[in-house]
Protein backbone atom coordinates (compact mmCIF):
# COMPACT_ATOMS: atom_id res chain seq x y z
CA MET A 1 73.50 190.18 224.39
CA LYS A 2 70.11 191.55 223.36
CA ARG A 3 71.47 195.11 223.52
CA LEU A 4 74.49 194.11 221.43
CA THR A 5 72.20 192.53 218.82
CA THR A 6 70.07 195.67 218.69
CA LEU A 7 73.12 197.89 218.23
CA GLY A 8 74.40 195.57 215.51
CA LEU A 9 71.04 195.71 213.75
CA ILE A 10 70.99 199.53 213.85
CA ALA A 11 74.58 199.74 212.59
CA GLY A 12 73.82 197.24 209.83
CA LEU A 13 70.73 199.12 208.67
CA CYS A 14 72.63 202.40 208.59
CA THR A 15 75.42 200.77 206.58
CA VAL A 16 72.97 199.29 204.07
CA ILE A 17 71.17 202.60 203.63
CA GLY A 18 74.46 204.43 203.16
CA LEU A 19 75.69 201.94 200.55
CA PHE A 20 72.46 202.11 198.56
CA VAL A 21 72.37 205.91 198.64
CA SER A 22 76.02 206.22 197.58
CA SER A 23 75.60 203.70 194.75
CA GLY A 24 72.37 205.23 193.47
CA PRO A 25 69.01 203.51 194.09
CA GLU A 26 68.07 203.84 190.40
CA ALA A 27 71.24 202.05 189.27
CA VAL A 28 70.68 199.26 191.80
CA ALA A 29 67.05 198.89 190.71
CA ALA A 30 68.12 198.71 187.06
CA ALA A 31 70.66 195.97 187.81
CA LEU A 32 68.06 194.08 189.83
CA TRP A 33 65.54 194.34 187.00
CA ALA A 34 68.16 193.13 184.51
CA SER A 35 68.55 189.90 186.48
CA GLY A 36 65.04 188.88 185.40
CA TRP A 37 64.43 185.16 185.73
CA GLY A 38 67.88 184.78 187.22
CA ALA A 39 66.45 185.83 190.59
CA VAL A 40 63.93 182.97 190.39
CA LEU A 41 66.69 180.50 189.57
CA VAL A 42 68.67 181.76 192.58
CA VAL A 43 65.70 180.98 194.83
CA VAL A 44 65.48 177.50 193.31
CA ALA A 45 69.21 176.99 193.92
CA ARG A 46 68.75 178.02 197.57
CA PHE A 47 65.98 175.45 198.07
CA VAL A 48 68.21 172.77 196.56
CA ALA A 49 71.18 173.81 198.72
CA VAL A 50 69.18 173.65 201.98
CA ALA A 51 67.66 170.29 201.07
CA TRP A 52 71.14 169.02 200.21
CA ALA A 53 72.35 170.18 203.62
CA GLY A 54 69.58 168.04 205.13
CA LEU A 55 71.04 165.07 203.26
CA GLY A 56 74.47 165.93 204.70
CA TRP A 57 72.96 165.78 208.20
CA TRP A 58 71.12 162.53 207.50
CA VAL A 59 74.24 160.60 206.45
CA VAL A 60 75.81 161.24 209.87
CA PHE A 61 73.30 158.94 211.61
CA PRO A 62 74.05 155.23 212.15
CA ARG A 63 72.19 153.15 209.57
CA GLY A 64 69.96 151.40 212.08
CA GLU A 65 68.97 154.63 213.85
CA ARG A 66 68.48 157.01 210.96
CA PRO A 67 65.26 159.00 210.85
CA LEU A 68 63.46 159.35 207.54
CA LEU A 69 65.36 161.48 205.04
CA ARG A 70 62.36 163.76 204.62
CA ALA A 71 62.36 164.39 208.39
CA CYS A 72 66.00 165.54 208.32
CA VAL A 73 65.35 167.72 205.28
CA SER A 74 62.21 169.26 206.84
CA VAL A 75 63.95 170.04 210.14
CA ARG A 76 66.97 171.38 208.24
CA PHE A 77 64.67 173.89 206.53
CA VAL A 78 63.37 174.92 209.96
CA ARG A 79 66.95 175.41 211.19
CA GLU A 80 67.70 177.55 208.14
CA GLY A 81 64.60 179.70 208.53
CA ILE A 82 65.21 180.41 212.21
CA ASN A 83 68.93 181.12 211.82
CA THR A 84 68.40 183.35 208.78
CA LEU A 85 65.37 185.42 209.77
CA LEU A 86 65.33 185.49 213.57
CA PRO A 87 67.85 187.29 215.85
CA VAL A 88 69.34 184.11 217.32
CA ALA A 89 73.02 184.55 216.31
CA GLN A 90 72.75 181.66 213.79
CA VAL A 91 72.61 178.95 216.47
CA GLY A 92 69.08 179.04 217.89
CA GLY A 93 67.69 177.18 214.91
CA ASP A 94 70.08 174.30 215.48
CA LEU A 95 68.95 173.88 219.09
CA ILE A 96 65.30 173.91 218.05
CA GLY A 97 66.07 171.52 215.19
CA ALA A 98 67.64 169.02 217.60
CA ARG A 99 64.50 169.17 219.74
CA LEU A 100 62.17 168.74 216.76
CA LEU A 101 64.09 165.68 215.59
CA THR A 102 63.36 163.88 218.86
CA ARG A 103 59.74 163.72 217.68
CA GLU A 104 60.88 161.47 214.86
CA ARG A 105 61.71 158.61 217.24
CA VAL A 106 65.30 159.79 217.60
CA SER A 107 66.69 159.80 221.14
CA GLY A 108 67.63 163.14 222.63
CA ALA A 109 71.28 162.14 222.94
CA LEU A 110 71.54 161.07 219.31
CA SER A 111 69.63 164.12 218.09
CA GLY A 112 71.87 166.51 220.03
CA ALA A 113 75.07 164.68 219.10
CA SER A 114 74.19 164.50 215.41
CA THR A 115 73.42 168.23 215.39
CA LEU A 116 76.81 169.02 216.95
CA VAL A 117 78.58 166.80 214.42
CA ASP A 118 76.62 168.40 211.58
CA LEU A 119 77.63 171.86 212.81
CA MET A 120 81.25 170.72 213.02
CA VAL A 121 81.16 169.36 209.48
CA GLN A 122 79.54 172.55 208.19
CA ALA A 123 82.17 174.70 209.92
CA LEU A 124 85.00 172.54 208.56
CA THR A 125 83.67 172.53 205.00
CA GLN A 126 83.08 176.28 205.08
CA PHE A 127 86.69 176.72 206.22
CA LEU A 128 87.88 174.52 203.32
CA PHE A 129 85.57 176.35 200.90
CA THR A 130 86.95 179.71 202.01
CA LEU A 131 90.51 178.39 201.74
CA ALA A 132 89.76 177.20 198.19
CA GLY A 133 88.28 180.59 197.29
CA LEU A 134 91.34 182.37 198.64
CA GLY A 135 93.63 180.03 196.70
CA ILE A 136 91.70 180.64 193.46
CA LEU A 137 91.86 184.40 194.04
CA VAL A 138 95.64 184.26 194.46
CA ALA A 139 95.96 182.02 191.39
CA LEU A 140 93.94 184.52 189.36
CA GLY A 141 96.40 187.25 190.29
CA GLY A 142 94.62 188.76 193.25
CA ASP A 143 96.91 190.39 195.75
CA GLY A 144 95.74 193.13 198.05
CA PRO A 145 93.91 193.90 201.28
CA ILE A 146 91.26 191.25 200.64
CA VAL A 147 93.84 188.47 200.43
CA HIS A 148 95.57 189.64 203.60
CA TYR A 149 92.35 190.10 205.59
CA VAL A 150 90.90 186.75 204.55
CA GLY A 151 94.22 185.02 205.26
CA LEU A 152 94.29 186.58 208.73
CA GLY A 153 90.69 185.49 209.28
CA LEU A 154 91.57 181.90 208.39
CA VAL A 155 94.51 181.98 210.80
CA VAL A 156 92.14 183.07 213.57
CA ALA A 157 89.40 180.62 212.54
CA ALA A 158 91.63 177.53 212.49
CA PRO A 159 92.24 177.39 216.30
CA ALA A 160 88.55 178.12 216.91
CA LEU A 161 87.62 175.21 214.66
CA VAL A 162 90.01 172.89 216.51
CA ALA A 163 88.62 174.09 219.85
CA PHE A 164 85.04 173.39 218.74
CA TYR A 165 86.10 169.83 217.89
CA LEU A 166 87.97 169.32 221.16
CA VAL A 167 85.01 170.38 223.32
CA GLN A 168 83.05 167.53 221.74
CA ARG A 169 85.67 165.00 222.78
CA ARG A 170 86.86 163.81 226.22
CA PHE A 171 88.52 167.16 226.85
CA GLY A 172 85.17 168.91 226.57
CA GLN A 173 83.40 166.27 228.63
CA SER A 174 85.89 166.75 231.46
CA LEU A 175 85.50 170.52 231.37
CA LEU A 176 81.70 170.33 231.33
CA GLN A 177 81.52 167.87 234.20
CA ALA A 178 84.05 169.93 236.18
CA ALA A 179 81.88 173.02 235.68
CA ILE A 180 78.77 171.11 236.78
CA ASN A 181 80.56 169.76 239.87
CA ARG A 182 81.67 173.26 240.75
CA PHE A 183 78.22 174.81 240.55
CA ALA A 184 76.07 171.82 241.52
CA GLY A 185 77.94 170.95 244.69
CA GLY A 186 77.04 167.55 246.10
CA ARG A 187 73.63 167.27 244.47
CA GLU A 188 73.07 164.34 242.12
CA TRP A 189 71.52 165.89 239.06
CA ARG A 190 70.24 163.88 236.14
CA ILE A 191 72.41 166.08 233.93
CA PHE A 192 75.42 163.98 235.01
CA GLY A 193 74.00 161.00 233.17
CA ALA A 194 72.91 163.27 230.31
CA VAL A 195 76.46 164.50 229.73
CA ASP A 196 77.84 160.95 229.69
CA VAL A 197 75.23 159.73 227.19
CA LEU A 198 75.67 162.74 224.92
CA PHE A 199 79.45 162.37 224.74
CA GLU A 200 79.12 158.60 224.27
CA ARG A 201 76.97 159.26 221.19
CA LEU A 202 79.45 161.86 219.96
CA ARG A 203 82.30 159.34 220.23
CA GLY A 204 80.28 156.80 218.29
CA LEU A 205 79.45 159.25 215.51
CA TYR A 206 83.01 160.49 215.12
CA ALA A 207 84.33 156.90 215.16
CA ALA A 208 82.39 156.16 211.95
CA ARG A 209 84.94 157.80 209.67
CA GLY A 210 83.21 156.65 206.51
CA ARG A 211 80.01 158.48 207.41
CA ILE A 212 81.95 161.59 208.48
CA LEU A 213 83.85 161.67 205.17
CA THR A 214 80.58 161.21 203.28
CA ALA A 215 79.06 164.11 205.22
CA ILE A 216 82.10 166.28 204.47
CA GLY A 217 81.85 165.52 200.76
CA THR A 218 78.11 166.16 200.77
CA HIS A 219 78.44 169.54 202.48
CA LEU A 220 81.32 170.58 200.22
CA PHE A 221 79.13 169.93 197.21
CA GLY A 222 76.40 171.94 198.95
CA TRP A 223 78.70 174.98 199.06
CA ILE A 224 79.27 174.54 195.32
CA ILE A 225 75.49 174.56 194.79
CA GLY A 226 75.42 177.90 196.60
CA THR A 227 77.98 179.23 194.12
CA PHE A 228 75.36 178.97 191.38
CA GLU A 229 73.48 181.81 193.10
CA VAL A 230 76.33 184.23 192.32
CA TRP A 231 77.08 182.83 188.88
CA ILE A 232 73.45 182.84 187.70
CA ALA A 233 72.57 186.28 189.08
CA LEU A 234 75.62 188.03 187.61
CA ARG A 235 75.29 186.22 184.29
CA PHE A 236 71.68 187.34 183.93
CA MET A 237 72.78 190.91 184.72
CA GLY A 238 75.12 190.69 181.74
CA TYR A 239 78.48 190.17 183.46
CA GLU A 240 80.71 187.47 181.97
CA VAL A 241 81.77 185.92 185.26
CA GLY A 242 83.43 182.51 185.18
CA PHE A 243 82.56 179.82 187.68
CA LEU A 244 85.94 180.14 189.41
CA GLU A 245 85.33 183.85 189.96
CA ALA A 246 81.88 182.98 191.31
CA ILE A 247 83.49 180.55 193.78
CA VAL A 248 85.77 183.34 195.01
CA ILE A 249 82.87 185.75 195.51
CA GLU A 250 80.57 183.19 197.16
CA SER A 251 83.17 181.60 199.44
CA LEU A 252 84.61 184.84 200.75
CA ALA A 253 81.18 186.47 201.05
CA GLN A 254 80.00 183.51 203.15
CA ALA A 255 83.10 183.95 205.32
CA VAL A 256 82.23 187.62 205.85
CA ARG A 257 78.64 186.68 206.67
CA GLY A 258 79.81 184.07 209.16
CA ALA A 259 82.15 186.54 210.85
CA ALA A 260 79.19 188.93 211.31
CA PHE A 261 77.07 186.29 213.08
CA ALA A 262 76.16 188.71 215.90
CA VAL A 263 74.42 191.07 213.45
CA PRO A 264 70.93 189.83 212.45
CA GLY A 265 71.04 188.76 208.82
CA ALA A 266 74.63 190.07 208.57
CA LEU A 267 73.08 193.39 207.53
CA GLY A 268 75.69 195.69 206.05
CA ALA A 269 78.44 193.07 206.27
CA GLN A 270 77.06 191.06 203.35
CA GLU A 271 76.53 194.17 201.21
CA GLY A 272 79.94 195.63 201.95
CA GLY A 273 81.66 192.30 201.42
CA LEU A 274 80.00 191.72 198.07
CA ILE A 275 80.89 195.23 196.88
CA ALA A 276 84.57 194.66 197.74
CA LEU A 277 84.69 191.17 196.22
CA CYS A 278 82.84 192.05 193.03
CA ALA A 279 85.12 195.06 192.54
CA VAL A 280 88.07 192.67 192.24
CA PHE A 281 86.55 191.36 189.00
CA GLY A 282 85.42 194.74 187.68
CA ILE A 283 81.78 194.41 188.71
CA PRO A 284 80.30 197.76 189.85
CA ALA A 285 78.80 198.41 193.26
CA GLU A 286 75.22 198.63 191.98
CA ALA A 287 75.44 195.10 190.57
CA ALA A 288 76.93 193.84 193.85
CA LEU A 289 74.07 195.42 195.80
CA ALA A 290 71.55 193.92 193.38
CA LEU A 291 73.19 190.53 193.96
CA SER A 292 72.84 191.05 197.72
CA LEU A 293 69.15 191.91 197.29
CA ILE A 294 68.61 188.72 195.27
CA LYS A 295 70.31 186.70 198.00
CA ARG A 296 68.07 188.32 200.60
CA LEU A 297 65.06 187.52 198.44
CA ALA A 298 66.18 183.89 198.54
CA ASP A 299 66.53 184.18 202.34
CA LEU A 300 62.89 185.26 202.56
CA ALA A 301 61.61 182.80 199.96
CA VAL A 302 63.15 179.89 201.88
CA GLY A 303 62.96 181.29 205.41
CA LEU A 304 59.30 182.32 205.61
CA PRO A 305 57.87 178.93 204.52
CA SER A 306 60.39 177.30 206.88
CA LEU A 307 59.06 179.32 209.81
CA MET A 308 55.53 178.30 208.81
CA LEU A 309 56.73 174.70 208.73
CA TRP A 310 58.12 175.11 212.25
CA HIS A 311 54.76 176.44 213.41
CA ALA A 312 53.02 173.47 211.78
CA MET A 313 55.37 170.99 213.43
CA GLU A 314 54.76 172.54 216.85
CA ASN A 315 50.98 172.36 216.26
CA GLU A 316 51.28 168.69 215.33
CA ALA A 317 53.16 168.02 218.56
CA ASP A 318 50.68 170.03 220.65
CA GLN A 319 47.88 167.83 219.34
CA GLY A 320 49.74 164.69 220.34
CA ARG A 321 50.68 163.59 216.82
CA PRO A 322 54.27 163.17 215.67
CA ALA A 323 55.44 165.41 212.85
CA ALA A 324 55.50 163.14 209.81
CA GLY A 325 57.60 165.20 207.46
CA LEU A 326 57.07 168.24 205.27
CA GLY A 327 53.73 167.36 203.72
CA ALA A 328 51.95 166.40 206.94
CA ALA A 329 53.29 169.41 208.80
CA LEU A 330 52.16 171.83 206.11
CA ARG A 331 48.70 170.24 206.04
CA ALA A 332 48.52 170.80 209.79
CA TRP A 333 49.32 174.48 209.29
CA VAL A 334 46.71 174.95 206.57
CA ARG A 335 43.76 173.19 208.22
CA PRO A 336 42.02 174.67 211.28
CA ARG A 337 43.40 173.47 214.56
CA GLU A 338 41.13 171.06 216.40
CA THR A 339 40.80 171.21 220.17
CA PRO A 340 41.09 167.67 221.54
CA LEU A 341 38.65 166.63 224.25
CA ARG A 342 41.38 164.98 226.22
CA GLN A 343 45.03 165.45 225.52
CA ALA A 344 47.69 163.20 226.96
CA PRO A 345 50.79 164.97 228.27
CA MET A 346 53.71 165.10 225.89
CA PRO A 347 56.77 163.13 227.00
CA ALA A 348 59.80 165.10 228.06
CA TYR A 349 62.67 164.70 225.65
CA GLY A 350 66.19 165.00 226.90
CA TYR A 351 69.63 163.47 226.73
CA ALA A 352 69.03 161.27 229.76
CA ALA A 353 66.48 158.47 229.79
CA ALA A 354 63.71 158.50 232.37
CA PRO A 355 64.08 156.16 235.37
CA ALA A 356 62.71 152.67 234.87
CA ASP A 357 60.01 153.08 237.52
CA GLY A 358 58.76 156.26 235.85
CA LYS A 359 59.43 158.38 238.95
CA GLY A 360 61.36 161.59 238.89
CA GLU A 361 64.45 162.32 240.88
């Protein structure tokens, strides 16, 4: 997997370099300069979109067991920073985020289940957003390779989406326990109880249809917020792009980026996708590459502070204090780390509760 990621990174870098050279670095730089304050507004829109995604995660929790909203938003920024800037195939940040949330007095089972549900809702809403973008493109008269390729991608993605949902239901629980029985033999591992508790929490979360529908609506609006990145950047460059056209570009570009999940940062895939999509509306390649650069600037502007926030949260936990949201975690990163004279061991967080007598298995 590591070798595949490295090869993907090399191929992506070569593609990006080739696209910039063929389009003319001076023309790309001129388009980027023309965006002016639009690039700043794109960064602001990205911060709003990630925070809004944290709200979409928060509404999934049962009312009596919800963590603080600021905790969900803070951890959601950490998930975004890790998935965007680190070579973790866009899933490592979600695993770390689930672990961080257990430090906010959320059980391991609920934290893991809520993360899986949040990922499911994000995948579903991205599918719907891409479908809407494809429909708008067809309505605007688009008919060509892009329509056919995106349509084929949606046909392939639909069964994968259904499969991801099914593995979180009884079907998936049976498969997981069968796999554990096969490899664990007759040993009684605590993971047996962990699997049962995790899937019990998943059933409870999916049974609350009102909260699921609210989360779907929240995430759909979040994708619309992301559309402002395209609309603002191209408008500031001087291109009269309507909001519907911006939805087409953003939705299909996100689909291309998602399909290239194995390539760190979707290098090359994002640039090539934006060039093809912008060309549909008469926008030249240099403007599309400038748009990609602005999006990558937003990735860095949001991702780097998010990685610093992750570091601060880990420091807070190492010192035996719970992470108390964005402000407290950032203060922990800024101030010098104190070495405690005596540090109590951190509790182990997991899906299964510890035995009542405190003894291990």
